[in-house]
Amino acid sequence: MMRAAIYVRVSTEEQAEEGYSLDAQKEILENHCIAEGWDVCSIYEDDGYSGRGDRRPAYVKMMEEMDMWDVLLVLKMDRIHRNSRNFMNMMDLISRNGKMFVSSMESLDTTNALGRFVMDMIQRIAQLESEQIGERTYMGMREKAESMKNTPQENRTMGFNPPLGYSLTGGILVAVPGDMETVERIFRSYLSGDTIDTVAYCLNRDNILTRRRRSWNVYNVRNILHNPVYAGYMRWDDVLVRHFTGTAVTPEEFNTVQEMMASRVKNPKNRHVLRIPDEFSD
């Protein structure tokens, strides 16, 4: 009897738009297996994961357990991948291991040449749709950033994860005094002439952790020093929006730090300086 691995995936947006919940997908695919006379060896489900990447927990586990199944069954091809390259890499891997792939609603499988050709075309269309959604999302977020108005009463954000020194309360940016002292220390140390390595070493020596409770290194220290939020401006792409909560440095000090960091880059072509307005403007 053919052993089938059932894979189901959905994100909140997709479920709202298409109506294919995880339970609905599983019911359809289990019935497909009954009709084909296949044994369901395992059901793998990724709840809330995008189909663009391939580091989904259930998907990774399924591929690691490939010896347990003979055919991979999905409701639609875009449930398994929305990226043509990732899909083709998967197909190459399962083909080399003698496995088959079946998409139930599209009535396609990899046991014949026509099925493989049509499957490739559908996958490319799915990727095109995904990229178009990404482009529309980007434009919408950019328009929102350009039109967003912050006031001293409401320091609203673009929905980002607040960095060290800040938290969100009801979507409003709020400074966290204790953490902000750590950020101020980082800027002061660098402005005084310490290297990024030295700043990280001193923080770790004093048992001061990052926002994620990890040790400091050159990368997370550099991210702090490059973030204009600590000088009064939130950034989305190349759009700057002023906020009105606590800061660690002035705009002038922030710009000085950017120039100092750029001056230490050996290759002049890689010396990019992010400058913010020297004076606050509403």
C-alpha atoms as a PDB file:
ATOM      1  CA  MET A   1       0.000   0.000   0.000  1.00  0.00           C
ATOM      2  CA  MET A   2       1.263   3.492  -0.900  1.00  0.00           C
ATOM      3  CA  ARG A   3       2.236   5.540   2.153  1.00  0.00           C
ATOM      4  CA  ALA A   4       1.063   9.153   1.940  1.00  0.00           C
ATOM      5  CA  ALA A   5       2.369  12.198   3.772  1.00  0.00           C
ATOM      6  CA  ILE A   6      -0.341  14.869   3.980  1.00  0.00           C
ATOM      7  CA  TYR A   7       0.913  18.446   4.165  1.00  0.00           C
ATOM      8  CA  VAL A   8      -1.392  21.361   5.043  1.00  0.00           C
ATOM      9  CA  ARG A   9      -0.547  25.039   5.493  1.00  0.00           C
ATOM     10  CA  VAL A  10      -2.478  28.233   5.997  1.00  0.00           C
ATOM     11  CA  SER A  11      -1.864  31.780   7.125  1.00  0.00           C
ATOM     12  CA  THR A  12      -4.491  34.034   8.673  1.00  0.00           C
ATOM     13  CA  GLU A  13      -4.800  36.121   5.509  1.00  0.00           C
ATOM     14  CA  GLU A  14      -5.087  33.097   3.221  1.00  0.00           C
ATOM     15  CA  GLN A  15      -7.702  31.435   5.396  1.00  0.00           C
ATOM     16  CA  ALA A  16      -9.795  34.607   5.418  1.00  0.00           C
ATOM     17  CA  GLU A  17      -9.531  35.004   1.649  1.00  0.00           C
ATOM     18  CA  GLU A  18      -9.805  31.392   0.486  1.00  0.00           C
ATOM     19  CA  GLY A  19     -11.668  29.618   3.287  1.00  0.00           C
ATOM     20  CA  TYR A  20      -9.342  26.595   3.376  1.00  0.00           C
ATOM     21  CA  SER A  21      -8.716  26.010   7.063  1.00  0.00           C
ATOM     22  CA  LEU A  22      -6.295  23.347   8.216  1.00  0.00           C
ATOM     23  CA  ASP A  23      -9.171  21.050   9.169  1.00  0.00           C
ATOM     24  CA  ALA A  24     -10.843  21.546   5.800  1.00  0.00           C
ATOM     25  CA  GLN A  25      -7.620  20.705   3.971  1.00  0.00           C
ATOM     26  CA  LYS A  26      -7.047  17.586   6.087  1.00  0.00           C
ATOM     27  CA  GLU A  27     -10.567  16.286   5.506  1.00  0.00           C
ATOM     28  CA  ILE A  28     -10.287  16.640   1.721  1.00  0.00           C
ATOM     29  CA  LEU A  29      -6.847  15.020   1.600  1.00  0.00           C
ATOM     30  CA  GLU A  30      -7.787  12.130   3.882  1.00  0.00           C
ATOM     31  CA  ASN A  31     -10.741  11.392   1.597  1.00  0.00           C
ATOM     32  CA  HIS A  32      -8.366  11.531  -1.394  1.00  0.00           C
ATOM     33  CA  CYS A  33      -6.203   8.868   0.256  1.00  0.00           C
ATOM     34  CA  ILE A  34      -9.223   6.660   0.919  1.00  0.00           C
ATOM     35  CA  ALA A  35     -10.222   6.922  -2.735  1.00  0.00           C
ATOM     36  CA  GLU A  36      -6.712   6.040  -3.912  1.00  0.00           C
ATOM     37  CA  GLY A  37      -6.250   3.263  -1.374  1.00  0.00           C
ATOM     38  CA  TRP A  38      -3.284   4.998   0.236  1.00  0.00           C
ATOM     39  CA  ASP A  39      -2.255   4.697   3.855  1.00  0.00           C
ATOM     40  CA  VAL A  40      -1.896   8.049   5.647  1.00  0.00           C
ATOM     41  CA  CYS A  41       1.399   7.691   7.464  1.00  0.00           C
ATOM     42  CA  SER A  42       1.488  11.215   8.894  1.00  0.00           C
ATOM     43  CA  ILE A  43      -0.121  14.648   8.668  1.00  0.00           C
ATOM     44  CA  TYR A  44       2.138  17.693   8.754  1.00  0.00           C
ATOM     45  CA  GLU A  45       0.588  21.093   9.399  1.00  0.00           C
ATOM     46  CA  ASP A  46       2.093  24.594   9.435  1.00  0.00           C
ATOM     47  CA  ASP A  47      -0.303  27.103  10.951  1.00  0.00           C
ATOM     48  CA  GLY A  48       0.427  30.755  10.213  1.00  0.00           C
ATOM     49  CA  TYR A  49       3.514  30.293   8.015  1.00  0.00           C
ATOM     50  CA  SER A  50       4.107  31.904   4.638  1.00  0.00           C
ATOM     51  CA  GLY A  51       4.649  29.666   1.643  1.00  0.00           C
ATOM     52  CA  ARG A  52       7.512  31.811   0.357  1.00  0.00           C
ATOM     53  CA  GLY A  53      10.158  30.337   2.658  1.00  0.00           C
ATOM     54  CA  ASP A  54      11.041  26.717   3.346  1.00  0.00           C
ATOM     55  CA  ARG A  55      11.982  26.874   7.041  1.00  0.00           C
ATOM     56  CA  ARG A  56       8.512  25.963   8.271  1.00  0.00           C
ATOM     57  CA  PRO A  57       8.678  23.523  11.217  1.00  0.00           C
ATOM     58  CA  ALA A  58       6.265  20.893   9.915  1.00  0.00           C
ATOM     59  CA  TYR A  59       7.657  21.114   6.372  1.00  0.00           C
ATOM     60  CA  VAL A  60      11.222  20.628   7.627  1.00  0.00           C
ATOM     61  CA  LYS A  61      10.162  17.654   9.757  1.00  0.00           C
ATOM     62  CA  MET A  62       8.314  16.090   6.816  1.00  0.00           C
ATOM     63  CA  MET A  63      11.367  16.290   4.577  1.00  0.00           C
ATOM     64  CA  GLU A  64      13.558  14.833   7.323  1.00  0.00           C
ATOM     65  CA  GLU A  65      11.124  11.902   7.614  1.00  0.00           C
ATOM     66  CA  MET A  66      11.048  11.210   3.879  1.00  0.00           C
ATOM     67  CA  ASP A  67      11.845   7.533   4.400  1.00  0.00           C
ATOM     68  CA  MET A  68       8.461   7.134   6.092  1.00  0.00           C
ATOM     69  CA  TRP A  69       6.356   8.027   3.038  1.00  0.00           C
ATOM     70  CA  ASP A  70       6.079   7.344  -0.689  1.00  0.00           C
ATOM     71  CA  VAL A  71       3.890  10.204  -1.936  1.00  0.00           C
ATOM     72  CA  LEU A  72       3.518  13.779  -0.773  1.00  0.00           C
ATOM     73  CA  LEU A  73      -0.096  14.971  -0.982  1.00  0.00           C
ATOM     74  CA  VAL A  74      -1.247  18.607  -0.820  1.00  0.00           C
ATOM     75  CA  LEU A  75      -4.534  20.354  -1.501  1.00  0.00           C
ATOM     76  CA  LYS A  76      -3.047  22.829  -3.975  1.00  0.00           C
ATOM     77  CA  MET A  77       0.496  23.451  -5.137  1.00  0.00           C
ATOM     78  CA  ASP A  78       0.700  26.836  -3.444  1.00  0.00           C
ATOM     79  CA  ARG A  79       0.155  25.105  -0.079  1.00  0.00           C
ATOM     80  CA  ILE A  80       3.627  23.584  -0.300  1.00  0.00           C
ATOM     81  CA  HIS A  81       5.558  26.442  -1.993  1.00  0.00           C
ATOM     82  CA  ARG A  82       4.928  29.874  -3.454  1.00  0.00           C
ATOM     83  CA  ASN A  83       8.460  30.173  -4.779  1.00  0.00           C
ATOM     84  CA  SER A  84       9.425  28.374  -7.989  1.00  0.00           C
ATOM     85  CA  ARG A  85      13.043  27.842  -6.990  1.00  0.00           C
ATOM     86  CA  ASN A  86      12.109  26.313  -3.632  1.00  0.00           C
ATOM     87  CA  PHE A  87       9.505  24.137  -5.324  1.00  0.00           C
ATOM     88  CA  MET A  88      11.939  22.871  -7.939  1.00  0.00           C
ATOM     89  CA  ASN A  89      14.545  22.168  -5.243  1.00  0.00           C
ATOM     90  CA  MET A  90      11.950  20.127  -3.366  1.00  0.00           C
ATOM     91  CA  MET A  91      10.914  18.255  -6.497  1.00  0.00           C
ATOM     92  CA  ASP A  92      14.518  17.451  -7.298  1.00  0.00           C
ATOM     93  CA  LEU A  93      15.061  16.120  -3.785  1.00  0.00           C
ATOM     94  CA  ILE A  94      11.984  13.903  -3.646  1.00  0.00           C
ATOM     95  CA  SER A  95      12.569  12.662  -7.216  1.00  0.00           C
ATOM     96  CA  ARG A  96      16.124  11.596  -6.332  1.00  0.00           C
ATOM     97  CA  ASN A  97      14.668   9.675  -3.399  1.00  0.00           C
ATOM     98  CA  GLY A  98      12.044   7.945  -5.531  1.00  0.00           C
ATOM     99  CA  LYS A  99       9.080   9.844  -4.062  1.00  0.00           C
ATOM    100  CA  MET A 100       6.017  11.243  -5.828  1.00  0.00           C
ATOM    101  CA  PHE A 101       4.075  14.484  -5.508  1.00  0.00           C
ATOM    102  CA  VAL A 102       0.315  14.915  -5.911  1.00  0.00           C
ATOM    103  CA  SER A 103      -1.802  18.057  -5.853  1.00  0.00           C
ATOM    104  CA  SER A 104      -5.385  16.992  -5.127  1.00  0.00           C
ATOM    105  CA  MET A 105      -7.464  19.915  -6.404  1.00  0.00           C
ATOM    106  CA  GLU A 106      -5.354  20.383  -9.518  1.00  0.00           C
ATOM    107  CA  SER A 107      -5.428  16.639 -10.290  1.00  0.00           C
ATOM    108  CA  LEU A 108      -1.727  16.690 -11.048  1.00  0.00           C
ATOM    109  CA  ASP A 109       1.048  14.273 -10.152  1.00  0.00           C
ATOM    110  CA  THR A 110       4.635  13.647 -11.144  1.00  0.00           C
ATOM    111  CA  THR A 111       4.144  10.211 -12.656  1.00  0.00           C
ATOM    112  CA  ASN A 112       3.829  11.545 -16.215  1.00  0.00           C
ATOM    113  CA  ALA A 113       5.508  14.220 -18.349  1.00  0.00           C
ATOM    114  CA  LEU A 114       2.347  16.262 -18.919  1.00  0.00           C
ATOM    115  CA  GLY A 115       1.676  16.468 -15.202  1.00  0.00           C
ATOM    116  CA  ARG A 116       5.231  17.683 -14.542  1.00  0.00           C
ATOM    117  CA  PHE A 117       4.969  20.347 -17.276  1.00  0.00           C
ATOM    118  CA  VAL A 118       1.593  21.700 -16.173  1.00  0.00           C
ATOM    119  CA  MET A 119       2.691  21.668 -12.538  1.00  0.00           C
ATOM    120  CA  ASP A 120       5.696  23.832 -13.358  1.00  0.00           C
ATOM    121  CA  MET A 121       3.507  26.365 -15.178  1.00  0.00           C
ATOM    122  CA  ILE A 122       1.006  26.592 -12.316  1.00  0.00           C
ATOM    123  CA  GLN A 123       3.817  27.052  -9.816  1.00  0.00           C
ATOM    124  CA  ARG A 124       5.258  29.950 -11.799  1.00  0.00           C
ATOM    125  CA  ILE A 125       1.841  31.622 -11.892  1.00  0.00           C
ATOM    126  CA  ALA A 126       1.527  31.178  -8.110  1.00  0.00           C
ATOM    127  CA  GLN A 127       4.914  32.835  -7.629  1.00  0.00           C
ATOM    128  CA  LEU A 128       3.872  35.745  -9.864  1.00  0.00           C
ATOM    129  CA  GLU A 129       0.737  36.281  -7.779  1.00  0.00           C
ATOM    130  CA  SER A 130       2.766  36.140  -4.572  1.00  0.00           C
ATOM    131  CA  GLU A 131       5.271  38.710  -5.856  1.00  0.00           C
ATOM    132  CA  GLN A 132       2.465  41.006  -6.975  1.00  0.00           C
ATOM    133  CA  ILE A 133       0.915  40.816  -3.499  1.00  0.00           C
ATOM    134  CA  GLY A 134       4.326  41.669  -2.030  1.00  0.00           C
ATOM    135  CA  GLU A 135       4.674  44.675  -4.333  1.00  0.00           C
ATOM    136  CA  ARG A 136       1.209  45.958  -3.412  1.00  0.00           C
ATOM    137  CA  THR A 137       1.939  45.468   0.284  1.00  0.00           C
ATOM    138  CA  TYR A 138       5.216  47.365  -0.036  1.00  0.00           C
ATOM    139  CA  MET A 139       3.561  50.298  -1.800  1.00  0.00           C
ATOM    140  CA  GLY A 140       0.784  50.400   0.786  1.00  0.00           C
ATOM    141  CA  MET A 141       3.253  50.415   3.674  1.00  0.00           C
ATOM    142  CA  ARG A 142       5.323  53.112   2.012  1.00  0.00           C
ATOM    143  CA  GLU A 143       2.264  55.325   1.479  1.00  0.00           C
ATOM    144  CA  LYS A 144       1.305  54.794   5.115  1.00  0.00           C
ATOM    145  CA  ALA A 145       4.806  55.756   6.278  1.00  0.00           C
ATOM    146  CA  GLU A 146       4.883  58.877   4.113  1.00  0.00           C
ATOM    147  CA  SER A 147       1.466  60.021   5.331  1.00  0.00           C
ATOM    148  CA  MET A 148       1.816  59.019   8.992  1.00  0.00           C
ATOM    149  CA  LYS A 149       1.652  61.938  11.398  1.00  0.00           C
ATOM    150  CA  ASN A 150       2.990  61.527  14.905  1.00  0.00           C
ATOM    151  CA  THR A 151       1.959  63.842  17.724  1.00  0.00           C
ATOM    152  CA  PRO A 152       3.217  64.265  21.281  1.00  0.00           C
ATOM    153  CA  GLN A 153      -0.027  62.630  22.409  1.00  0.00           C
ATOM    154  CA  GLU A 154       0.219  59.514  20.245  1.00  0.00           C
ATOM    155  CA  ASN A 155       3.585  58.134  19.172  1.00  0.00           C
ATOM    156  CA  ARG A 156       2.155  55.533  16.816  1.00  0.00           C
ATOM    157  CA  THR A 157       4.387  53.195  14.838  1.00  0.00           C
ATOM    158  CA  MET A 158       4.330  51.201  11.616  1.00  0.00           C
ATOM    159  CA  GLY A 159       3.738  48.046  13.669  1.00  0.00           C
ATOM    160  CA  PHE A 160       7.429  47.156  14.032  1.00  0.00           C
ATOM    161  CA  ASN A 161       8.959  45.228  16.914  1.00  0.00           C
ATOM    162  CA  PRO A 162      10.280  47.877  19.326  1.00  0.00           C
ATOM    163  CA  PRO A 163      14.065  47.830  19.765  1.00  0.00           C
ATOM    164  CA  LEU A 164      15.887  47.849  23.093  1.00  0.00           C
ATOM    165  CA  GLY A 165      14.808  50.884  25.101  1.00  0.00           C
ATOM    166  CA  TYR A 166      11.225  50.958  23.880  1.00  0.00           C
ATOM    167  CA  SER A 167       7.961  49.064  24.209  1.00  0.00           C
ATOM    168  CA  LEU A 168       4.530  49.336  22.627  1.00  0.00           C
ATOM    169  CA  THR A 169       1.381  50.065  24.608  1.00  0.00           C
ATOM    170  CA  GLY A 170      -1.725  49.944  22.465  1.00  0.00           C
ATOM    171  CA  GLY A 171       0.376  50.675  19.379  1.00  0.00           C
ATOM    172  CA  ILE A 172       1.988  53.682  21.067  1.00  0.00           C
ATOM    173  CA  LEU A 173       5.785  53.877  21.386  1.00  0.00           C
ATOM    174  CA  VAL A 174       6.906  54.162  25.011  1.00  0.00           C
ATOM    175  CA  ALA A 175      10.455  54.528  26.383  1.00  0.00           C
ATOM    176  CA  VAL A 176      11.693  51.979  28.930  1.00  0.00           C
ATOM    177  CA  PRO A 177      14.007  53.909  31.323  1.00  0.00           C
ATOM    178  CA  GLY A 178      16.278  51.057  32.435  1.00  0.00           C
ATOM    179  CA  ASP A 179      16.882  49.740  28.926  1.00  0.00           C
ATOM    180  CA  MET A 180      17.306  53.258  27.584  1.00  0.00           C
ATOM    181  CA  GLU A 181      20.231  53.718  29.991  1.00  0.00           C
ATOM    182  CA  THR A 182      21.962  50.810  28.262  1.00  0.00           C
ATOM    183  CA  VAL A 183      21.411  52.426  24.869  1.00  0.00           C
ATOM    184  CA  GLU A 184      22.727  55.766  26.139  1.00  0.00           C
ATOM    185  CA  ARG A 185      25.811  53.967  27.440  1.00  0.00           C
ATOM    186  CA  ILE A 186      26.429  52.409  24.009  1.00  0.00           C
ATOM    187  CA  PHE A 187      26.288  55.785  22.257  1.00  0.00           C
ATOM    188  CA  ARG A 188      28.407  57.520  24.906  1.00  0.00           C
ATOM    189  CA  SER A 189      31.073  54.820  24.733  1.00  0.00           C
ATOM    190  CA  TYR A 190      31.289  54.980  20.959  1.00  0.00           C
ATOM    191  CA  LEU A 191      31.339  58.795  20.906  1.00  0.00           C
ATOM    192  CA  SER A 192      34.183  58.717  23.425  1.00  0.00           C
ATOM    193  CA  GLY A 193      36.293  56.689  20.998  1.00  0.00           C
ATOM    194  CA  ASP A 194      35.624  53.066  21.983  1.00  0.00           C
ATOM    195  CA  THR A 195      35.399  50.549  19.161  1.00  0.00           C
ATOM    196  CA  ILE A 196      32.273  48.462  18.630  1.00  0.00           C
ATOM    197  CA  ASP A 197      34.207  45.404  19.858  1.00  0.00           C
ATOM    198  CA  THR A 198      35.100  47.242  23.049  1.00  0.00           C
ATOM    199  CA  VAL A 199      31.516  48.374  23.605  1.00  0.00           C
ATOM    200  CA  ALA A 200      30.259  44.802  23.256  1.00  0.00           C
ATOM    201  CA  TYR A 201      32.988  43.444  25.534  1.00  0.00           C
ATOM    202  CA  CYS A 202      32.201  45.930  28.319  1.00  0.00           C
ATOM    203  CA  LEU A 203      28.472  45.221  28.166  1.00  0.00           C
ATOM    204  CA  ASN A 204      29.066  41.470  28.427  1.00  0.00           C
ATOM    205  CA  ARG A 205      31.602  41.972  31.217  1.00  0.00           C
ATOM    206  CA  ASP A 206      28.957  43.835  33.214  1.00  0.00           C
ATOM    207  CA  ASN A 207      26.345  41.134  32.524  1.00  0.00           C
ATOM    208  CA  ILE A 208      24.098  43.446  30.509  1.00  0.00           C
ATOM    209  CA  LEU A 209      22.004  41.540  27.975  1.00  0.00           C
ATOM    210  CA  THR A 210      20.273  42.465  24.723  1.00  0.00           C
ATOM    211  CA  ARG A 211      16.505  42.847  24.384  1.00  0.00           C
ATOM    212  CA  ARG A 212      16.327  39.124  23.600  1.00  0.00           C
ATOM    213  CA  ARG A 213      18.417  38.352  26.692  1.00  0.00           C
ATOM    214  CA  ARG A 214      21.502  37.389  24.717  1.00  0.00           C
ATOM    215  CA  SER A 215      25.141  38.445  24.767  1.00  0.00           C
ATOM    216  CA  TRP A 216      26.336  41.456  22.806  1.00  0.00           C
ATOM    217  CA  ASN A 217      28.396  41.270  19.617  1.00  0.00           C
ATOM    218  CA  VAL A 218      29.516  43.689  16.909  1.00  0.00           C
ATOM    219  CA  TYR A 219      26.332  43.145  14.934  1.00  0.00           C
ATOM    220  CA  ASN A 220      23.733  44.008  17.567  1.00  0.00           C
ATOM    221  CA  VAL A 221      25.821  46.932  18.836  1.00  0.00           C
ATOM    222  CA  ARG A 222      26.087  48.237  15.275  1.00  0.00           C
ATOM    223  CA  ASN A 223      22.316  47.904  14.847  1.00  0.00           C
ATOM    224  CA  ILE A 224      21.781  50.073  17.924  1.00  0.00           C
ATOM    225  CA  LEU A 225      24.170  52.728  16.657  1.00  0.00           C
ATOM    226  CA  HIS A 226      22.540  52.784  13.218  1.00  0.00           C
ATOM    227  CA  ASN A 227      18.934  53.055  14.436  1.00  0.00           C
ATOM    228  CA  PRO A 228      17.563  56.636  14.198  1.00  0.00           C
ATOM    229  CA  VAL A 229      14.734  55.786  16.605  1.00  0.00           C
ATOM    230  CA  TYR A 230      17.179  56.612  19.412  1.00  0.00           C
ATOM    231  CA  ALA A 231      17.483  60.147  18.050  1.00  0.00           C
ATOM    232  CA  GLY A 232      13.760  60.790  17.612  1.00  0.00           C
ATOM    233  CA  TYR A 233      12.988  59.301  14.186  1.00  0.00           C
ATOM    234  CA  MET A 234      11.358  56.031  13.153  1.00  0.00           C
ATOM    235  CA  ARG A 235      12.527  54.678   9.822  1.00  0.00           C
ATOM    236  CA  TRP A 236      10.709  52.581   7.239  1.00  0.00           C
ATOM    237  CA  ASP A 237      12.856  51.930   4.174  1.00  0.00           C
ATOM    238  CA  ASP A 238      14.155  55.451   3.409  1.00  0.00           C
ATOM    239  CA  VAL A 239      11.218  57.272   5.034  1.00  0.00           C
ATOM    240  CA  LEU A 240      11.833  59.020   8.373  1.00  0.00           C
ATOM    241  CA  VAL A 241       8.951  59.842  10.732  1.00  0.00           C
ATOM    242  CA  ARG A 242       9.555  61.813  13.892  1.00  0.00           C
ATOM    243  CA  HIS A 243       8.387  60.374  17.212  1.00  0.00           C
ATOM    244  CA  PHE A 244       7.928  62.192  20.506  1.00  0.00           C
ATOM    245  CA  THR A 245       8.953  59.737  23.194  1.00  0.00           C
ATOM    246  CA  GLY A 246      12.304  59.552  25.005  1.00  0.00           C
ATOM    247  CA  THR A 247      15.583  59.440  23.078  1.00  0.00           C
ATOM    248  CA  ALA A 248      19.137  58.376  23.865  1.00  0.00           C
ATOM    249  CA  VAL A 249      20.975  60.995  21.784  1.00  0.00           C
ATOM    250  CA  THR A 250      20.312  64.199  19.905  1.00  0.00           C
ATOM    251  CA  PRO A 251      20.069  64.221  16.109  1.00  0.00           C
ATOM    252  CA  GLU A 252      23.453  65.948  15.986  1.00  0.00           C
ATOM    253  CA  GLU A 253      25.074  63.237  18.114  1.00  0.00           C
ATOM    254  CA  PHE A 254      23.456  60.518  16.019  1.00  0.00           C
ATOM    255  CA  ASN A 255      24.823  62.053  12.811  1.00  0.00           C
ATOM    256  CA  THR A 256      28.280  62.280  14.384  1.00  0.00           C
ATOM    257  CA  VAL A 257      28.133  58.559  15.191  1.00  0.00           C
ATOM    258  CA  GLN A 258      27.164  57.755  11.598  1.00  0.00           C
ATOM    259  CA  GLU A 259      30.100  59.743  10.261  1.00  0.00           C
ATOM    260  CA  MET A 260      32.495  58.069  12.713  1.00  0.00           C
ATOM    261  CA  MET A 261      31.291  54.610  11.693  1.00  0.00           C
ATOM    262  CA  ALA A 262      31.552  55.426   7.987  1.00  0.00           C
ATOM    263  CA  SER A 263      35.090  56.743   8.422  1.00  0.00           C
ATOM    264  CA  ARG A 264      36.188  53.365   9.776  1.00  0.00           C
ATOM    265  CA  VAL A 265      34.995  51.471   6.693  1.00  0.00           C
ATOM    266  CA  LYS A 266      38.085  50.633   4.625  1.00  0.00           C
ATOM    267  CA  ASN A 267      36.439  50.604   1.202  1.00  0.00           C
ATOM    268  CA  PRO A 268      35.243  54.145   0.303  1.00  0.00           C
ATOM    269  CA  LYS A 269      32.512  52.683  -1.926  1.00  0.00           C
ATOM    270  CA  ASN A 270      30.902  51.119   1.155  1.00  0.00           C
ATOM    271  CA  ARG A 271      30.860  54.304   3.210  1.00  0.00           C
ATOM    272  CA  HIS A 272      27.160  55.071   3.411  1.00  0.00           C
ATOM    273  CA  VAL A 273      26.104  57.691   5.934  1.00  0.00           C
ATOM    274  CA  LEU A 274      22.513  57.839   7.151  1.00  0.00           C
ATOM    275  CA  ARG A 275      21.844  61.411   8.222  1.00  0.00           C
ATOM    276  CA  ILE A 276      18.725  62.674   9.945  1.00  0.00           C
ATOM    277  CA  PRO A 277      17.609  66.311  10.285  1.00  0.00           C
ATOM    278  CA  ASP A 278      19.884  68.137  12.713  1.00  0.00           C
ATOM    279  CA  GLU A 279      16.866  69.872  14.208  1.00  0.00           C
ATOM    280  CA  PHE A 280      13.480  68.416  14.953  1.00  0.00           C
ATOM    281  CA  SER A 281      10.702  69.467  12.597  1.00  0.00           C
ATOM    282  CA  ASP A 282       7.026  68.591  13.051  1.00  0.00           C
END
